[in-house]
C-alpha cells in the first residue's frame, strides 16, 4: 500500500487544540480511533506540507497550468 493506492474506506478527521497545548489530528474509521498529537511548530510544518501537496495536485490535474 502506498500514497497512490486507492482504498474504499470512509474515515472522519477532526483537528483541534488539546487542553495541554498540543494540536490533535483525530482519525476514526471502522471503529478504530487514532489520536495524533503534535507540538504547534510541528503542526505548522504539517500544514505547509499539506499546502505544498495541494498545489502539486492542482498542477497535476491542470496539466501544468496555474
PDB file of N, CA and C in Angstrom:
ATOM      1  N   UNK A   1       0.842  -1.172   0.000  1.00  0.00           N
ATOM      2  CA  UNK A   1       0.000   0.000   0.000  1.00  0.00           C
ATOM      3  C   UNK A   1       0.888   1.236   0.000  1.00  0.00           C
ATOM      4  N   UNK A   2       0.521   2.198  -0.816  1.00  0.00           N
ATOM      5  CA  UNK A   2       1.286   3.432  -0.885  1.00  0.00           C
ATOM      6  C   UNK A   2       0.369   4.630  -1.028  1.00  0.00           C
ATOM      7  N   UNK A   3       0.963   5.767  -1.223  1.00  0.00           N
ATOM      8  CA  UNK A   3       0.209   7.013  -1.312  1.00  0.00           C
ATOM      9  C   UNK A   3      -0.759   7.000  -2.495  1.00  0.00           C
ATOM     10  N   UNK A   4      -0.434   6.271  -3.551  1.00  0.00           N
ATOM     11  CA  UNK A   4      -1.295   6.244  -4.733  1.00  0.00           C
ATOM     12  C   UNK A   4      -2.237   5.049  -4.782  1.00  0.00           C
ATOM     13  N   UNK A   5      -2.240   4.229  -3.737  1.00  0.00           N
ATOM     14  CA  UNK A   5      -3.136   3.083  -3.689  1.00  0.00           C
ATOM     15  C   UNK A   5      -4.496   3.538  -3.187  1.00  0.00           C
ATOM     16  N   UNK A   6      -5.520   3.363  -4.025  1.00  0.00           N
ATOM     17  CA  UNK A   6      -6.867   3.769  -3.630  1.00  0.00           C
ATOM     18  C   UNK A   6      -7.469   2.743  -2.687  1.00  0.00           C
ATOM     19  N   UNK A   7      -8.241   3.234  -1.737  1.00  0.00           N
ATOM     20  CA  UNK A   7      -8.948   2.387  -0.782  1.00  0.00           C
ATOM     21  C   UNK A   7     -10.383   2.866  -0.687  1.00  0.00           C
ATOM     22  N   UNK A   8     -11.283   1.945  -0.470  1.00  0.00           N
ATOM     23  CA  UNK A   8     -12.690   2.290  -0.293  1.00  0.00           C
ATOM     24  C   UNK A   8     -13.004   2.260   1.203  1.00  0.00           C
ATOM     25  N   UNK A   9     -12.392   3.202   1.937  1.00  0.00           N
ATOM     26  CA  UNK A   9     -12.567   3.290   3.379  1.00  0.00           C
ATOM     27  C   UNK A   9     -13.075   4.688   3.708  1.00  0.00           C
ATOM     28  N   UNK A  10     -14.105   4.729   4.517  1.00  0.00           N
ATOM     29  CA  UNK A  10     -14.632   6.010   4.958  1.00  0.00           C
ATOM     30  C   UNK A  10     -14.044   6.323   6.323  1.00  0.00           C
ATOM     31  N   UNK A  11     -13.577   7.551   6.501  1.00  0.00           N
ATOM     32  CA  UNK A  11     -12.978   7.956   7.770  1.00  0.00           C
ATOM     33  C   UNK A  11     -13.398   9.378   8.103  1.00  0.00           C
ATOM     34  N   UNK A  12     -13.350   9.682   9.380  1.00  0.00           N
ATOM     35  CA  UNK A  12     -13.615  11.033   9.857  1.00  0.00           C
ATOM     36  C   UNK A  12     -12.318  11.610  10.397  1.00  0.00           C
ATOM     37  N   UNK A  13     -12.092  12.892  10.110  1.00  0.00           N
ATOM     38  CA  UNK A  13     -10.903  13.585  10.588  1.00  0.00           C
ATOM     39  C   UNK A  13     -11.340  14.819  11.354  1.00  0.00           C
ATOM     40  N   UNK A  14     -10.846  14.949  12.571  1.00  0.00           N
ATOM     41  CA  UNK A  14     -11.073  16.142  13.370  1.00  0.00           C
ATOM     42  C   UNK A  14      -9.711  16.729  13.705  1.00  0.00           C
ATOM     43  N   UNK A  15      -9.622  18.058  13.690  1.00  0.00           N
ATOM     44  CA  UNK A  15      -8.373  18.738  14.009  1.00  0.00           C
ATOM     45  C   UNK A  15      -8.685  19.836  15.003  1.00  0.00           C
ATOM     46  N   UNK A  16      -7.898  19.908  16.071  1.00  0.00           N
ATOM     47  CA  UNK A  16      -8.120  20.963  17.048  1.00  0.00           C
ATOM     48  C   UNK A  16      -7.062  20.967  18.127  1.00  0.00           C
ATOM     49  N   UNK A  17      -7.097  21.998  18.968  1.00  0.00           N
ATOM     50  CA  UNK A  17      -6.137  22.084  20.070  1.00  0.00           C
ATOM     51  C   UNK A  17      -6.576  21.213  21.243  1.00  0.00           C
ATOM     52  N   UNK A  18      -5.605  20.723  21.994  1.00  0.00           N
ATOM     53  CA  UNK A  18      -5.906  19.970  23.207  1.00  0.00           C
ATOM     54  C   UNK A  18      -5.756  20.888  24.416  1.00  0.00           C
ATOM     55  N   UNK A  19      -6.235  20.425  25.553  1.00  0.00           N
ATOM     56  CA  UNK A  19      -6.106  21.198  26.789  1.00  0.00           C
ATOM     57  C   UNK A  19      -4.657  21.401  27.196  1.00  0.00           C
ATOM     58  N   UNK A  20      -3.765  20.536  26.702  1.00  0.00           N
ATOM     59  CA  UNK A  20      -2.349  20.628  27.071  1.00  0.00           C
ATOM     60  C   UNK A  20      -1.524  21.433  26.069  1.00  0.00           C
ATOM     61  N   UNK A  21      -2.183  22.124  25.135  1.00  0.00           N
ATOM     62  CA  UNK A  21      -1.467  22.986  24.203  1.00  0.00           C
ATOM     63  C   UNK A  21      -0.897  22.282  22.990  1.00  0.00           C
ATOM     64  N   UNK A  22      -1.366  21.088  22.716  1.00  0.00           N
ATOM     65  CA  UNK A  22      -0.936  20.359  21.529  1.00  0.00           C
ATOM     66  C   UNK A  22      -1.991  20.531  20.444  1.00  0.00           C
ATOM     67  N   UNK A  23      -1.628  20.186  19.217  1.00  0.00           N
ATOM     68  CA  UNK A  23      -2.590  20.144  18.120  1.00  0.00           C
ATOM     69  C   UNK A  23      -2.878  18.677  17.857  1.00  0.00           C
ATOM     70  N   UNK A  24      -4.153  18.307  17.886  1.00  0.00           N
ATOM     71  CA  UNK A  24      -4.516  16.904  17.705  1.00  0.00           C
ATOM     72  C   UNK A  24      -5.209  16.693  16.366  1.00  0.00           C
ATOM     73  N   UNK A  25      -4.707  15.690  15.638  1.00  0.00           N
ATOM     74  CA  UNK A  25      -5.414  15.133  14.489  1.00  0.00           C
ATOM     75  C   UNK A  25      -6.051  13.856  15.012  1.00  0.00           C
ATOM     76  N   UNK A  26      -7.359  13.769  14.908  1.00  0.00           N
ATOM     77  CA  UNK A  26      -8.082  12.613  15.433  1.00  0.00           C
ATOM     78  C   UNK A  26      -8.786  11.944  14.264  1.00  0.00           C
ATOM     79  N   UNK A  27      -8.386  10.711  13.975  1.00  0.00           N
ATOM     80  CA  UNK A  27      -8.927   9.960  12.844  1.00  0.00           C
ATOM     81  C   UNK A  27      -9.733   8.793  13.386  1.00  0.00           C
ATOM     82  N   UNK A  28     -10.938   8.614  12.840  1.00  0.00           N
ATOM     83  CA  UNK A  28     -11.800   7.496  13.233  1.00  0.00           C
ATOM     84  C   UNK A  28     -12.287   6.813  11.969  1.00  0.00           C
ATOM     85  N   UNK A  29     -12.075   5.496  11.903  1.00  0.00           N
ATOM     86  CA  UNK A  29     -12.529   4.710  10.758  1.00  0.00           C
ATOM     87  C   UNK A  29     -12.770   3.271  11.197  1.00  0.00           C
ATOM     88  N   UNK A  30     -13.905   2.747  10.812  1.00  0.00           N
ATOM     89  CA  UNK A  30     -14.237   1.349  11.106  1.00  0.00           C
ATOM     90  C   UNK A  30     -14.045   0.998  12.581  1.00  0.00           C
ATOM     91  N   UNK A  31     -14.429   1.898  13.471  1.00  0.00           N
ATOM     92  CA  UNK A  31     -14.325   1.640  14.895  1.00  0.00           C
ATOM     93  C   UNK A  31     -12.937   1.814  15.480  1.00  0.00           C
ATOM     94  N   UNK A  32     -11.966   2.213  14.670  1.00  0.00           N
ATOM     95  CA  UNK A  32     -10.610   2.449  15.143  1.00  0.00           C
ATOM     96  C   UNK A  32     -10.422   3.956  15.308  1.00  0.00           C
ATOM     97  N   UNK A  33      -9.894   4.366  16.449  1.00  0.00           N
ATOM     98  CA  UNK A  33      -9.628   5.771  16.713  1.00  0.00           C
ATOM     99  C   UNK A  33      -8.126   5.992  16.813  1.00  0.00           C
ATOM    100  N   UNK A  34      -7.628   6.988  16.085  1.00  0.00           N
ATOM    101  CA  UNK A  34      -6.198   7.289  16.099  1.00  0.00           C
ATOM    102  C   UNK A  34      -6.014   8.761  16.455  1.00  0.00           C
ATOM    103  N   UNK A  35      -5.634   9.047  17.716  1.00  0.00           N
ATOM    104  CA  UNK A  35      -5.315  10.419  18.085  1.00  0.00           C
ATOM    105  C   UNK A  35      -3.817  10.667  17.843  1.00  0.00           C
ATOM    106  N   UNK A  36      -3.501  11.733  17.145  1.00  0.00           N
ATOM    107  CA  UNK A  36      -2.101  12.069  16.875  1.00  0.00           C
ATOM    108  C   UNK A  36      -1.873  13.498  17.358  1.00  0.00           C
ATOM    109  N   UNK A  37      -1.007  13.659  18.354  1.00  0.00           N
ATOM    110  CA  UNK A  37      -0.732  14.964  18.941  1.00  0.00           C
ATOM    111  C   UNK A  37       0.597  15.511  18.444  1.00  0.00           C
ATOM    112  N   UNK A  38       0.609  16.834  18.170  1.00  0.00           N
ATOM    113  CA  UNK A  38       1.796  17.497  17.654  1.00  0.00           C
ATOM    114  C   UNK A  38       2.020  18.811  18.390  1.00  0.00           C
ATOM    115  N   UNK A  39       3.272  19.158  18.575  1.00  0.00           N
ATOM    116  CA  UNK A  39       3.606  20.495  19.068  1.00  0.00           C
ATOM    117  C   UNK A  39       3.126  21.496  18.017  1.00  0.00           C
ATOM    118  N   UNK A  40       2.778  22.717  18.412  1.00  0.00           N
ATOM    119  CA  UNK A  40       2.302  23.690  17.433  1.00  0.00           C
ATOM    120  C   UNK A  40       3.265  23.891  16.256  1.00  0.00           C
ATOM    121  N   UNK A  41       4.575  23.872  16.521  1.00  0.00           N
ATOM    122  CA  UNK A  41       5.552  24.054  15.435  1.00  0.00           C
ATOM    123  C   UNK A  41       5.490  22.886  14.446  1.00  0.00           C
ATOM    124  N   UNK A  42       5.317  21.672  14.971  1.00  0.00           N
ATOM    125  CA  UNK A  42       5.175  20.502  14.097  1.00  0.00           C
ATOM    126  C   UNK A  42       3.899  20.610  13.269  1.00  0.00           C
ATOM    127  N   UNK A  43       2.829  21.100  13.889  1.00  0.00           N
ATOM    128  CA  UNK A  43       1.561  21.259  13.173  1.00  0.00           C
ATOM    129  C   UNK A  43       1.720  22.268  12.044  1.00  0.00           C
ATOM    130  N   UNK A  44       2.488  23.338  12.278  1.00  0.00           N
ATOM    131  CA  UNK A  44       2.754  24.314  11.212  1.00  0.00           C
ATOM    132  C   UNK A  44       3.478  23.651  10.043  1.00  0.00           C
ATOM    133  N   UNK A  45       4.457  22.795  10.341  1.00  0.00           N
ATOM    134  CA  UNK A  45       5.190  22.087   9.284  1.00  0.00           C
ATOM    135  C   UNK A  45       4.266  21.163   8.501  1.00  0.00           C
ATOM    136  N   UNK A  46       3.376  20.468   9.207  1.00  0.00           N
ATOM    137  CA  UNK A  46       2.419  19.580   8.546  1.00  0.00           C
ATOM    138  C   UNK A  46       1.497  20.388   7.645  1.00  0.00           C
ATOM    139  N   UNK A  47       1.037  21.539   8.140  1.00  0.00           N
ATOM    140  CA  UNK A  47       0.163  22.399   7.336  1.00  0.00           C
ATOM    141  C   UNK A  47       0.877  22.854   6.061  1.00  0.00           C
ATOM    142  N   UNK A  48       2.161  23.187   6.161  1.00  0.00           N
ATOM    143  CA  UNK A  48       2.935  23.580   4.975  1.00  0.00           C
ATOM    144  C   UNK A  48       3.037  22.423   3.987  1.00  0.00           C
ATOM    145  N   UNK A  49       3.245  21.211   4.495  1.00  0.00           N
ATOM    146  CA  UNK A  49       3.321  20.038   3.615  1.00  0.00           C
ATOM    147  C   UNK A  49       1.982  19.790   2.915  1.00  0.00           C
ATOM    148  N   UNK A  50       0.884  19.986   3.638  1.00  0.00           N
ATOM    149  CA  UNK A  50      -0.442  19.815   3.033  1.00  0.00           C
ATOM    150  C   UNK A  50      -0.662  20.858   1.952  1.00  0.00           C
ATOM    151  N   UNK A  51      -0.293  22.109   2.224  1.00  0.00           N
ATOM    152  CA  UNK A  51      -0.438  23.164   1.202  1.00  0.00           C
ATOM    153  C   UNK A  51       0.396  22.850  -0.037  1.00  0.00           C
ATOM    154  N   UNK A  52       1.632  22.392   0.160  1.00  0.00           N
ATOM    155  CA  UNK A  52       2.505  22.052  -0.972  1.00  0.00           C
ATOM    156  C   UNK A  52       1.931  20.889  -1.769  1.00  0.00           C
ATOM    157  N   UNK A  53       1.389  19.887  -1.082  1.00  0.00           N
ATOM    158  CA  UNK A  53       0.782  18.746  -1.777  1.00  0.00           C
ATOM    159  C   UNK A  53      -0.453  19.184  -2.558  1.00  0.00           C
ATOM    160  N   UNK A  54      -1.249  20.093  -1.972  1.00  0.00           N
ATOM    161  CA  UNK A  54      -2.436  20.592  -2.678  1.00  0.00           C
ATOM    162  C   UNK A  54      -2.031  21.334  -3.940  1.00  0.00           C
ATOM    163  N   UNK A  55      -0.990  22.140  -3.857  1.00  0.00           N
ATOM    164  CA  UNK A  55      -0.523  22.872  -5.039  1.00  0.00           C
ATOM    165  C   UNK A  55      -0.006  21.902  -6.102  1.00  0.00           C
ATOM    166  N   UNK A  56       0.745  20.883  -5.684  1.00  0.00           N
ATOM    167  CA  UNK A  56       1.253  19.885  -6.635  1.00  0.00           C
ATOM    168  C   UNK A  56       0.097  19.141  -7.300  1.00  0.00           C
ATOM    169  N   UNK A  57      -0.937  18.818  -6.525  1.00  0.00           N
ATOM    170  CA  UNK A  57      -2.100  18.128  -7.088  1.00  0.00           C
ATOM    171  C   UNK A  57      -2.814  19.017  -8.100  1.00  0.00           C
ATOM    172  N   UNK A  58      -2.920  20.316  -7.793  1.00  0.00           N
ATOM    173  CA  UNK A  58      -3.544  21.251  -8.757  1.00  0.00           C
ATOM    174  C   UNK A  58      -2.769  21.279 -10.069  1.00  0.00           C
ATOM    175  N   UNK A  59      -1.448  21.319  -9.963  1.00  0.00           N
ATOM    176  CA  UNK A  59      -0.616  21.348 -11.170  1.00  0.00           C
ATOM    177  C   UNK A  59      -0.801  20.067 -11.974  1.00  0.00           C
ATOM    178  N   UNK A  60      -0.842  18.921 -11.299  1.00  0.00           N
ATOM    179  CA  UNK A  60      -1.032  17.651 -11.989  1.00  0.00           C
ATOM    180  C   UNK A  60      -2.376  17.601 -12.717  1.00  0.00           C
ATOM    181  N   UNK A  61      -3.425  18.078 -12.063  1.00  0.00           N
ATOM    182  CA  UNK A  61      -4.748  17.976 -12.667  1.00  0.00           C
ATOM    183  C   UNK A  61      -5.027  19.054 -13.687  1.00  0.00           C
ATOM    184  N   UNK A  62      -4.197  20.109 -13.706  1.00  0.00           N
ATOM    185  CA  UNK A  62      -4.407  21.168 -14.694  1.00  0.00           C
ATOM    186  C   UNK A  62      -3.447  21.052 -15.861  1.00  0.00           C
ATOM    187  N   UNK A  63      -2.665  19.989 -15.896  1.00  0.00           N
ATOM    188  CA  UNK A  63      -1.717  19.794 -16.984  1.00  0.00           C
ATOM    189  C   UNK A  63      -0.543  20.733 -16.903  1.00  0.00           C
ATOM    190  N   UNK A  64      -0.203  21.175 -15.705  1.00  0.00           N
ATOM    191  CA  UNK A  64       0.941  22.067 -15.524  1.00  0.00           C
ATOM    192  C   UNK A  64       0.604  23.525 -15.588  1.00  0.00           C
ATOM    193  N   UNK A  65      -0.660  23.863 -15.854  1.00  0.00           N
ATOM    194  CA  UNK A  65      -1.087  25.263 -15.923  1.00  0.00           C
ATOM    195  C   UNK A  65      -1.533  25.733 -14.560  1.00  0.00           C
ATOM    196  N   UNK A  66      -1.229  26.960 -14.221  1.00  0.00           N
ATOM    197  CA  UNK A  66      -1.659  27.529 -12.942  1.00  0.00           C
ATOM    198  C   UNK A  66      -2.842  28.414 -13.130  1.00  0.00           C
TER     199      UNK A  66
END
